[in-house]
N, C-alpha and C. Protein backbone atom coordinates (compact mmCIF):
# COMPACT_ATOMS: atom_id res chain seq x y z
N VAL A 1 76.63 -28.35 -25.47
CA VAL A 1 76.20 -29.44 -24.61
C VAL A 1 76.57 -30.75 -25.28
N LYS A 2 77.30 -31.57 -24.54
CA LYS A 2 77.72 -32.87 -25.07
C LYS A 2 76.72 -33.94 -24.69
N LYS A 3 76.42 -34.81 -25.62
CA LYS A 3 75.61 -35.98 -25.31
C LYS A 3 76.56 -37.09 -24.90
N ILE A 4 76.15 -37.91 -23.95
CA ILE A 4 77.04 -38.91 -23.39
C ILE A 4 76.39 -40.29 -23.41
N THR A 5 77.17 -41.31 -23.78
CA THR A 5 76.73 -42.69 -23.73
C THR A 5 77.29 -43.32 -22.46
N PHE A 6 76.49 -44.07 -21.72
CA PHE A 6 76.90 -44.63 -20.43
C PHE A 6 77.17 -46.13 -20.50
N PHE A 7 78.19 -46.57 -19.80
CA PHE A 7 78.43 -47.97 -19.49
C PHE A 7 78.38 -48.05 -17.97
N PHE A 8 77.75 -49.06 -17.40
CA PHE A 8 77.48 -49.09 -15.96
C PHE A 8 78.28 -50.18 -15.27
N THR A 9 79.02 -49.81 -14.22
CA THR A 9 79.76 -50.76 -13.39
C THR A 9 79.42 -50.49 -11.95
N THR A 10 79.19 -51.53 -11.18
CA THR A 10 78.85 -51.33 -9.77
C THR A 10 79.51 -52.38 -8.91
N PHE A 11 79.98 -51.99 -7.74
CA PHE A 11 80.53 -52.90 -6.75
C PHE A 11 79.83 -52.59 -5.45
N VAL A 12 79.24 -53.59 -4.80
CA VAL A 12 78.55 -53.38 -3.53
C VAL A 12 79.11 -54.36 -2.51
N THR A 13 79.50 -53.84 -1.36
CA THR A 13 79.98 -54.67 -0.27
C THR A 13 78.92 -54.69 0.80
N CYS A 14 78.52 -55.85 1.25
CA CYS A 14 77.51 -55.97 2.30
C CYS A 14 78.14 -56.57 3.54
N ASN A 15 77.70 -56.09 4.67
CA ASN A 15 78.13 -56.64 5.96
C ASN A 15 76.90 -57.28 6.58
N PHE A 16 76.88 -58.60 6.67
CA PHE A 16 75.70 -59.31 7.15
C PHE A 16 75.62 -59.36 8.67
N SER A 17 76.73 -59.10 9.38
CA SER A 17 76.70 -59.30 10.82
C SER A 17 76.79 -58.02 11.64
N ASN A 18 77.38 -56.96 11.11
CA ASN A 18 77.62 -55.76 11.92
C ASN A 18 76.66 -54.65 11.51
N LYS A 19 75.41 -54.75 11.94
CA LYS A 19 74.39 -53.81 11.50
C LYS A 19 74.51 -52.44 12.13
N GLN A 20 75.29 -52.30 13.23
CA GLN A 20 75.38 -50.98 13.85
C GLN A 20 76.32 -50.04 13.09
N MET A 21 77.16 -50.57 12.18
CA MET A 21 78.06 -49.69 11.43
C MET A 21 77.31 -49.13 10.24
N ARG A 22 76.69 -47.99 10.43
CA ARG A 22 75.92 -47.34 9.39
C ARG A 22 76.65 -46.11 8.92
N LYS A 23 76.65 -45.88 7.62
CA LYS A 23 77.35 -44.73 7.08
C LYS A 23 76.86 -43.43 7.70
N LYS A 24 75.56 -43.31 7.94
CA LYS A 24 75.03 -42.05 8.44
C LYS A 24 75.51 -41.73 9.85
N SER A 25 76.02 -42.73 10.60
CA SER A 25 76.51 -42.45 11.94
C SER A 25 77.95 -41.95 11.93
N LEU A 26 78.59 -42.00 10.77
CA LEU A 26 79.98 -41.60 10.68
C LEU A 26 80.09 -40.11 10.39
N GLY A 27 81.20 -39.53 10.71
CA GLY A 27 81.33 -38.13 10.39
C GLY A 27 82.58 -37.47 10.90
N SER A 28 82.67 -37.22 12.17
CA SER A 28 83.76 -36.42 12.69
C SER A 28 85.08 -37.18 12.64
N TYR A 29 86.17 -36.42 12.63
CA TYR A 29 87.49 -37.03 12.63
C TYR A 29 87.69 -37.88 13.89
N ASN A 30 87.21 -37.39 15.03
CA ASN A 30 87.38 -38.16 16.27
C ASN A 30 86.69 -39.51 16.19
N TYR A 31 85.52 -39.54 15.56
CA TYR A 31 84.81 -40.80 15.37
C TYR A 31 85.63 -41.73 14.46
N VAL A 32 86.13 -41.17 13.35
CA VAL A 32 86.92 -41.95 12.40
C VAL A 32 88.18 -42.50 13.10
N LYS A 33 88.82 -41.65 13.88
CA LYS A 33 90.03 -42.08 14.60
C LYS A 33 89.70 -43.21 15.58
N ALA A 34 88.59 -43.09 16.29
CA ALA A 34 88.19 -44.14 17.24
C ALA A 34 87.89 -45.45 16.51
N LYS A 35 87.19 -45.39 15.38
CA LYS A 35 86.88 -46.60 14.60
C LYS A 35 88.16 -47.24 14.05
N PHE A 36 89.11 -46.40 13.62
CA PHE A 36 90.37 -46.92 13.10
C PHE A 36 91.16 -47.59 14.23
N THR A 37 91.16 -46.97 15.40
CA THR A 37 91.83 -47.55 16.56
C THR A 37 91.23 -48.92 16.89
N LYS A 38 89.91 -49.01 16.89
CA LYS A 38 89.23 -50.29 17.15
C LYS A 38 89.59 -51.32 16.08
N TYR A 39 89.61 -50.88 14.82
CA TYR A 39 89.97 -51.77 13.72
C TYR A 39 91.39 -52.33 13.94
N LEU A 40 92.33 -51.46 14.31
CA LEU A 40 93.70 -51.90 14.54
C LEU A 40 93.77 -52.89 15.70
N ASP A 41 93.05 -52.58 16.78
CA ASP A 41 93.00 -53.49 17.94
C ASP A 41 92.41 -54.84 17.55
N ASP A 42 91.27 -54.82 16.87
CA ASP A 42 90.58 -56.05 16.49
C ASP A 42 91.40 -56.93 15.56
N ASN A 43 92.29 -56.30 14.80
CA ASN A 43 93.08 -57.04 13.82
C ASN A 43 94.55 -57.20 14.24
N ASN A 44 94.80 -56.95 15.53
CA ASN A 44 96.16 -57.10 16.08
C ASN A 44 97.22 -56.35 15.29
N LYS A 45 96.88 -55.12 14.90
CA LYS A 45 97.82 -54.25 14.19
C LYS A 45 98.34 -53.20 15.17
N ARG A 46 99.58 -52.78 14.95
CA ARG A 46 100.18 -51.77 15.82
C ARG A 46 99.54 -50.40 15.60
N LYS A 47 99.39 -49.67 16.67
CA LYS A 47 98.89 -48.29 16.60
C LYS A 47 100.12 -47.38 16.63
N THR A 48 100.50 -46.88 15.43
CA THR A 48 101.72 -46.09 15.32
C THR A 48 101.39 -44.64 14.99
N LEU A 49 102.32 -43.76 15.31
CA LEU A 49 102.18 -42.35 14.96
C LEU A 49 102.04 -42.19 13.45
N ASP A 50 102.82 -42.95 12.69
CA ASP A 50 102.73 -42.87 11.23
C ASP A 50 101.31 -43.14 10.74
N ARG A 51 100.70 -44.21 11.24
CA ARG A 51 99.36 -44.59 10.78
C ARG A 51 98.33 -43.51 11.10
N PHE A 52 98.40 -42.96 12.31
CA PHE A 52 97.42 -41.94 12.69
C PHE A 52 97.67 -40.61 11.99
N THR A 53 98.92 -40.31 11.67
CA THR A 53 99.22 -39.09 10.91
C THR A 53 98.72 -39.24 9.48
N ILE A 54 98.91 -40.41 8.89
CA ILE A 54 98.41 -40.68 7.54
C ILE A 54 96.89 -40.63 7.53
N LEU A 55 96.26 -41.21 8.55
CA LEU A 55 94.79 -41.14 8.67
C LEU A 55 94.33 -39.69 8.65
N GLU A 56 94.94 -38.86 9.46
CA GLU A 56 94.54 -37.45 9.55
C GLU A 56 94.76 -36.71 8.23
N GLN A 57 95.92 -36.95 7.60
CA GLN A 57 96.21 -36.27 6.33
C GLN A 57 95.26 -36.73 5.23
N ALA A 58 94.97 -38.04 5.16
CA ALA A 58 94.04 -38.57 4.16
C ALA A 58 92.64 -38.01 4.41
N TYR A 59 92.24 -37.96 5.67
CA TYR A 59 90.92 -37.42 6.04
C TYR A 59 90.76 -35.98 5.55
N ASN A 60 91.85 -35.22 5.59
CA ASN A 60 91.80 -33.80 5.22
C ASN A 60 92.06 -33.54 3.74
N MET A 61 92.29 -34.58 2.95
CA MET A 61 92.48 -34.39 1.50
C MET A 61 91.12 -34.04 0.89
N ASN A 62 91.15 -33.18 -0.10
CA ASN A 62 89.92 -32.81 -0.81
C ASN A 62 89.79 -33.62 -2.08
N GLY A 63 88.71 -34.37 -2.18
CA GLY A 63 88.43 -35.13 -3.40
C GLY A 63 89.40 -36.28 -3.61
N HIS A 64 89.63 -36.61 -4.87
CA HIS A 64 90.51 -37.72 -5.23
C HIS A 64 91.96 -37.29 -5.08
N PHE A 65 92.80 -38.23 -4.67
CA PHE A 65 94.22 -37.95 -4.56
C PHE A 65 95.00 -39.21 -4.91
N ASP A 66 96.23 -39.01 -5.38
CA ASP A 66 97.09 -40.16 -5.63
C ASP A 66 98.15 -40.23 -4.53
N ILE A 67 98.93 -41.27 -4.57
CA ILE A 67 99.90 -41.50 -3.51
C ILE A 67 100.93 -40.37 -3.44
N ASP A 68 101.31 -39.82 -4.60
CA ASP A 68 102.29 -38.74 -4.61
C ASP A 68 101.75 -37.46 -3.96
N GLN A 69 100.48 -37.16 -4.19
CA GLN A 69 99.89 -35.98 -3.56
C GLN A 69 99.88 -36.12 -2.05
N LEU A 70 99.53 -37.30 -1.55
CA LEU A 70 99.53 -37.53 -0.11
C LEU A 70 100.95 -37.48 0.43
N TYR A 71 101.89 -38.09 -0.28
CA TYR A 71 103.29 -38.08 0.13
C TYR A 71 103.81 -36.64 0.21
N ASN A 72 103.52 -35.85 -0.81
CA ASN A 72 103.99 -34.45 -0.84
C ASN A 72 103.34 -33.62 0.25
N LYS A 73 102.07 -33.86 0.52
CA LYS A 73 101.39 -33.14 1.60
C LYS A 73 102.05 -33.44 2.94
N MET A 74 102.39 -34.69 3.15
CA MET A 74 103.04 -35.07 4.41
C MET A 74 104.45 -34.50 4.48
N LYS A 75 105.13 -34.49 3.35
CA LYS A 75 106.49 -33.93 3.30
C LYS A 75 106.46 -32.43 3.61
N LYS A 76 105.47 -31.71 3.06
CA LYS A 76 105.34 -30.27 3.33
C LYS A 76 105.04 -30.00 4.79
N SER A 77 104.34 -30.93 5.45
CA SER A 77 104.06 -30.75 6.87
C SER A 77 105.21 -31.26 7.73
N ARG A 78 106.32 -31.57 7.07
CA ARG A 78 107.56 -32.01 7.74
C ARG A 78 107.42 -33.34 8.48
N PHE A 79 106.55 -34.18 7.96
CA PHE A 79 106.41 -35.53 8.52
C PHE A 79 106.97 -36.51 7.52
N ARG A 80 108.07 -37.15 7.89
CA ARG A 80 108.75 -38.08 6.98
C ARG A 80 108.13 -39.47 7.10
N VAL A 81 107.70 -39.99 5.97
CA VAL A 81 107.11 -41.32 5.92
C VAL A 81 107.45 -41.94 4.56
N SER A 82 107.66 -43.22 4.54
CA SER A 82 107.98 -43.89 3.28
C SER A 82 106.71 -44.13 2.47
N ARG A 83 106.91 -44.27 1.17
CA ARG A 83 105.77 -44.60 0.31
C ARG A 83 105.20 -45.97 0.68
N ALA A 84 106.05 -46.89 1.09
CA ALA A 84 105.58 -48.22 1.50
C ALA A 84 104.63 -48.10 2.69
N THR A 85 104.97 -47.25 3.65
CA THR A 85 104.10 -47.04 4.80
C THR A 85 102.78 -46.41 4.36
N LEU A 86 102.85 -45.48 3.40
CA LEU A 86 101.62 -44.89 2.87
C LEU A 86 100.73 -45.95 2.23
N TYR A 87 101.30 -46.77 1.36
CA TYR A 87 100.53 -47.82 0.71
C TYR A 87 99.94 -48.79 1.73
N ASN A 88 100.75 -49.20 2.70
CA ASN A 88 100.26 -50.15 3.71
C ASN A 88 99.14 -49.55 4.56
N THR A 89 99.29 -48.29 4.94
CA THR A 89 98.26 -47.66 5.76
C THR A 89 97.00 -47.40 4.95
N LEU A 90 97.14 -46.98 3.70
CA LEU A 90 95.96 -46.80 2.85
C LEU A 90 95.23 -48.13 2.68
N SER A 91 95.97 -49.22 2.58
CA SER A 91 95.34 -50.54 2.48
C SER A 91 94.52 -50.84 3.73
N LEU A 92 95.04 -50.49 4.90
CA LEU A 92 94.28 -50.67 6.14
C LEU A 92 93.03 -49.79 6.15
N LEU A 93 93.16 -48.55 5.67
CA LEU A 93 92.02 -47.63 5.64
C LEU A 93 90.96 -48.09 4.64
N ILE A 94 91.39 -48.75 3.58
CA ILE A 94 90.44 -49.34 2.63
C ILE A 94 89.70 -50.49 3.31
N ASP A 95 90.45 -51.37 3.97
CA ASP A 95 89.83 -52.50 4.67
C ASP A 95 88.87 -52.02 5.76
N CYS A 96 89.20 -50.91 6.37
CA CYS A 96 88.39 -50.34 7.44
C CYS A 96 87.14 -49.63 6.89
N GLY A 97 87.12 -49.37 5.57
CA GLY A 97 85.96 -48.75 4.94
C GLY A 97 85.99 -47.24 4.87
N PHE A 98 87.13 -46.64 5.18
CA PHE A 98 87.22 -45.18 5.18
C PHE A 98 87.75 -44.60 3.88
N VAL A 99 88.45 -45.40 3.10
CA VAL A 99 89.07 -44.93 1.86
C VAL A 99 88.62 -45.83 0.72
N MET A 100 88.33 -45.21 -0.40
CA MET A 100 88.02 -45.95 -1.63
C MET A 100 89.22 -45.84 -2.56
N LYS A 101 89.47 -46.90 -3.30
CA LYS A 101 90.56 -46.95 -4.26
C LYS A 101 89.94 -47.07 -5.65
N TYR A 102 90.35 -46.20 -6.55
CA TYR A 102 89.80 -46.18 -7.90
C TYR A 102 90.89 -46.44 -8.92
N ARG A 103 90.57 -47.26 -9.89
CA ARG A 103 91.48 -47.50 -11.02
C ARG A 103 90.76 -47.07 -12.29
N PHE A 104 90.91 -45.81 -12.61
CA PHE A 104 90.32 -45.29 -13.83
C PHE A 104 91.30 -45.58 -14.98
N PRO A 105 90.77 -45.86 -16.18
CA PRO A 105 91.66 -46.13 -17.31
C PRO A 105 92.61 -44.95 -17.56
N ASN A 106 93.84 -45.26 -17.91
CA ASN A 106 94.87 -44.27 -18.27
C ASN A 106 95.18 -43.28 -17.16
N LYS A 107 94.95 -43.64 -15.93
CA LYS A 107 95.24 -42.76 -14.80
C LYS A 107 95.97 -43.56 -13.73
N ASP A 108 96.71 -42.82 -12.87
CA ASP A 108 97.28 -43.46 -11.70
C ASP A 108 96.14 -43.91 -10.81
N ILE A 109 96.43 -44.79 -9.88
CA ILE A 109 95.42 -45.19 -8.90
C ILE A 109 95.09 -43.97 -8.06
N LEU A 110 93.81 -43.73 -7.87
CA LEU A 110 93.35 -42.60 -7.07
C LEU A 110 92.64 -43.12 -5.83
N TYR A 111 92.74 -42.34 -4.77
CA TYR A 111 92.10 -42.67 -3.50
C TYR A 111 91.15 -41.54 -3.14
N GLU A 112 90.21 -41.85 -2.27
CA GLU A 112 89.28 -40.83 -1.79
C GLU A 112 88.82 -41.21 -0.40
N PHE A 113 88.90 -40.28 0.53
CA PHE A 113 88.37 -40.51 1.86
C PHE A 113 86.87 -40.32 1.76
N VAL A 114 86.11 -41.38 2.01
CA VAL A 114 84.68 -41.35 1.68
C VAL A 114 83.75 -41.29 2.88
N VAL A 115 84.24 -41.47 4.07
CA VAL A 115 83.35 -41.54 5.21
C VAL A 115 83.47 -40.25 6.02
N LYS A 116 82.64 -39.29 5.68
CA LYS A 116 82.60 -38.05 6.46
C LYS A 116 81.17 -37.79 6.91
N ASN A 117 80.23 -37.76 5.96
CA ASN A 117 78.81 -37.62 6.31
C ASN A 117 77.96 -38.03 5.13
N ASP A 118 76.67 -38.11 5.33
CA ASP A 118 75.76 -38.57 4.27
C ASP A 118 75.84 -37.71 3.02
N GLU A 119 76.10 -36.42 3.18
CA GLU A 119 76.14 -35.55 2.02
C GLU A 119 77.30 -35.86 1.10
N ASP A 120 78.30 -36.62 1.58
CA ASP A 120 79.44 -36.97 0.75
C ASP A 120 79.14 -38.12 -0.19
N SER A 121 77.97 -38.75 -0.05
CA SER A 121 77.60 -39.85 -0.92
C SER A 121 77.50 -39.33 -2.35
N HIS A 122 78.28 -39.95 -3.23
CA HIS A 122 78.27 -39.52 -4.62
C HIS A 122 78.75 -40.67 -5.51
N TYR A 123 78.64 -40.45 -6.79
CA TYR A 123 79.00 -41.44 -7.79
C TYR A 123 79.93 -40.78 -8.77
N HIS A 124 80.52 -41.56 -9.65
CA HIS A 124 81.51 -41.01 -10.58
C HIS A 124 81.12 -41.29 -12.02
N LEU A 125 81.39 -40.32 -12.84
CA LEU A 125 81.24 -40.42 -14.28
C LEU A 125 82.65 -40.25 -14.85
N TYR A 126 83.14 -41.27 -15.55
CA TYR A 126 84.47 -41.20 -16.14
C TYR A 126 84.33 -41.17 -17.65
N ASN A 127 84.77 -40.06 -18.26
CA ASN A 127 84.69 -39.89 -19.70
C ASN A 127 85.92 -40.52 -20.34
N LEU A 128 85.72 -41.59 -21.10
CA LEU A 128 86.82 -42.31 -21.74
C LEU A 128 87.49 -41.48 -22.83
N ASP A 129 86.77 -40.51 -23.42
CA ASP A 129 87.35 -39.66 -24.45
C ASP A 129 88.25 -38.57 -23.86
N THR A 130 87.80 -37.94 -22.78
CA THR A 130 88.52 -36.80 -22.21
C THR A 130 89.29 -37.14 -20.94
N GLU A 131 89.05 -38.33 -20.39
CA GLU A 131 89.63 -38.78 -19.12
C GLU A 131 89.21 -37.91 -17.94
N GLU A 132 88.12 -37.20 -18.10
CA GLU A 132 87.59 -36.35 -17.04
C GLU A 132 86.78 -37.20 -16.06
N ILE A 133 86.93 -36.90 -14.77
CA ILE A 133 86.16 -37.57 -13.72
C ILE A 133 85.20 -36.54 -13.15
N VAL A 134 83.91 -36.87 -13.19
CA VAL A 134 82.89 -35.97 -12.66
C VAL A 134 82.17 -36.68 -11.53
N LYS A 135 82.06 -36.00 -10.39
CA LYS A 135 81.27 -36.52 -9.28
C LYS A 135 79.84 -36.06 -9.49
N PHE A 136 78.88 -36.94 -9.17
CA PHE A 136 77.48 -36.54 -9.25
C PHE A 136 76.69 -37.26 -8.18
N ASP A 137 75.54 -36.74 -7.89
CA ASP A 137 74.65 -37.33 -6.90
C ASP A 137 73.33 -37.62 -7.59
N ASP A 138 72.75 -38.75 -7.27
CA ASP A 138 71.45 -39.10 -7.82
C ASP A 138 70.70 -39.90 -6.76
N LYS A 139 69.68 -39.32 -6.19
CA LYS A 139 68.95 -39.93 -5.08
C LYS A 139 68.25 -41.23 -5.48
N ARG A 140 68.12 -41.50 -6.77
CA ARG A 140 67.49 -42.75 -7.19
C ARG A 140 68.33 -43.96 -6.75
N PHE A 141 69.66 -43.79 -6.69
CA PHE A 141 70.50 -44.88 -6.20
C PHE A 141 70.20 -45.17 -4.74
N ASP A 142 69.96 -44.13 -3.95
CA ASP A 142 69.64 -44.31 -2.53
C ASP A 142 68.43 -45.22 -2.35
N LYS A 143 67.41 -45.02 -3.18
CA LYS A 143 66.21 -45.86 -3.11
C LYS A 143 66.55 -47.31 -3.47
N ILE A 144 67.37 -47.48 -4.49
CA ILE A 144 67.77 -48.84 -4.88
C ILE A 144 68.50 -49.52 -3.73
N PHE A 145 69.42 -48.80 -3.07
CA PHE A 145 70.16 -49.38 -1.96
C PHE A 145 69.23 -49.76 -0.81
N LYS A 146 68.26 -48.91 -0.50
CA LYS A 146 67.30 -49.21 0.57
C LYS A 146 66.48 -50.44 0.22
N ASP A 147 66.07 -50.55 -1.04
CA ASP A 147 65.30 -51.71 -1.48
C ASP A 147 66.14 -53.00 -1.36
N VAL A 148 67.42 -52.93 -1.73
CA VAL A 148 68.31 -54.09 -1.64
C VAL A 148 68.50 -54.49 -0.17
N GLU A 149 68.70 -53.50 0.69
CA GLU A 149 68.87 -53.79 2.12
C GLU A 149 67.63 -54.49 2.69
N LYS A 150 66.48 -54.00 2.30
CA LYS A 150 65.24 -54.58 2.82
C LYS A 150 65.03 -55.99 2.27
N LYS A 151 65.21 -56.15 0.97
CA LYS A 151 64.96 -57.44 0.32
C LYS A 151 65.89 -58.53 0.86
N TYR A 152 67.16 -58.20 1.08
CA TYR A 152 68.14 -59.21 1.49
C TYR A 152 68.49 -59.15 2.97
N ASP A 153 67.81 -58.27 3.72
CA ASP A 153 68.02 -58.12 5.16
C ASP A 153 69.50 -57.90 5.48
N VAL A 154 70.10 -56.91 4.83
CA VAL A 154 71.51 -56.56 5.01
C VAL A 154 71.63 -55.04 5.16
N ASP A 155 72.77 -54.61 5.62
CA ASP A 155 73.14 -53.20 5.61
C ASP A 155 74.27 -53.03 4.62
N ILE A 156 74.10 -52.19 3.64
CA ILE A 156 75.18 -51.88 2.71
C ILE A 156 76.08 -50.88 3.41
N VAL A 157 77.33 -51.26 3.60
CA VAL A 157 78.26 -50.41 4.34
C VAL A 157 79.28 -49.73 3.43
N ASN A 158 79.34 -50.15 2.18
CA ASN A 158 80.28 -49.53 1.26
C ASN A 158 79.83 -49.82 -0.16
N PHE A 159 80.13 -48.94 -1.07
CA PHE A 159 79.80 -49.15 -2.47
C PHE A 159 80.68 -48.27 -3.34
N ASN A 160 80.75 -48.61 -4.61
CA ASN A 160 81.54 -47.85 -5.57
C ASN A 160 80.80 -47.93 -6.90
N ILE A 161 80.33 -46.82 -7.37
CA ILE A 161 79.64 -46.79 -8.66
C ILE A 161 80.38 -45.83 -9.58
N VAL A 162 80.79 -46.36 -10.73
CA VAL A 162 81.44 -45.55 -11.75
C VAL A 162 80.70 -45.79 -13.06
N LEU A 163 80.26 -44.73 -13.68
CA LEU A 163 79.65 -44.82 -15.01
C LEU A 163 80.73 -44.43 -16.01
N TYR A 164 81.05 -45.34 -16.92
CA TYR A 164 82.05 -45.06 -17.95
C TYR A 164 81.29 -44.57 -19.18
N CYS A 165 81.76 -43.49 -19.77
CA CYS A 165 81.04 -42.92 -20.91
C CYS A 165 81.98 -42.48 -22.01
N LYS A 166 81.42 -42.25 -23.17
CA LYS A 166 82.12 -41.67 -24.31
C LYS A 166 81.23 -40.57 -24.86
N ASN A 167 81.84 -39.54 -25.41
CA ASN A 167 81.06 -38.49 -26.05
C ASN A 167 80.34 -39.08 -27.26
N LYS A 168 79.08 -38.71 -27.42
CA LYS A 168 78.33 -39.16 -28.59
C LYS A 168 78.85 -38.42 -29.81
N LYS A 169 78.92 -39.14 -30.89
CA LYS A 169 79.37 -38.53 -32.13
C LYS A 169 78.18 -37.86 -32.81
N LYS A 170 78.39 -36.62 -33.23
CA LYS A 170 77.33 -35.91 -33.95
C LYS A 170 77.37 -36.35 -35.40
N GLU A 171 76.21 -36.43 -36.03
CA GLU A 171 76.14 -36.86 -37.42
C GLU A 171 76.99 -35.96 -38.30
N GLY A 172 77.88 -36.61 -39.09
CA GLY A 172 78.69 -35.86 -40.03
C GLY A 172 79.92 -35.22 -39.41
N ILE A 173 80.09 -35.32 -38.09
CA ILE A 173 81.25 -34.71 -37.43
C ILE A 173 81.93 -35.80 -36.60
N GLU A 174 83.23 -35.95 -36.80
CA GLU A 174 84.00 -36.93 -36.06
C GLU A 174 84.57 -36.27 -34.80
N ASN A 175 84.52 -36.99 -33.66
CA ASN A 175 85.19 -36.51 -32.44
C ASN A 175 86.69 -36.66 -32.61
N GLU A 176 87.41 -35.70 -32.10
CA GLU A 176 88.87 -35.77 -32.18
C GLU A 176 89.43 -36.47 -30.98
């Protein structure tokens, strides 16, 4: 059993005006597709086959993925798309609140489709010694978020919590 030292980083995005967009109401692919369509309409962006195919492929990715994994998945499904289109569409999905972008030390940029259902709510532990990423859930954060929403009269619509850690050194033994 390894002992771990934590460093805490948190990013919280609040939406002060759109209280009906609640994470718990999100879930099905059809709902996500409809919200993305509305986002594109509201922002005068084109609704293209490429964008909706990327949305569907990203939605179906398991866990964290990098741009190459998404590109290769689309290539295997015989859908040709440029990396530039992938980056641009992922940027739209991030703005729309469906994808999170992570920059872990010594790793490529990773993405994660985060809006599926309440059970997908999780946090990350990044071990600086091993470069391992561990997902975990802790309901105490949920209480903190509810308290913040109540105190500031806001709805938290997105968040990113990463705990950076290092293995504790045992007395007389150096970590390699």
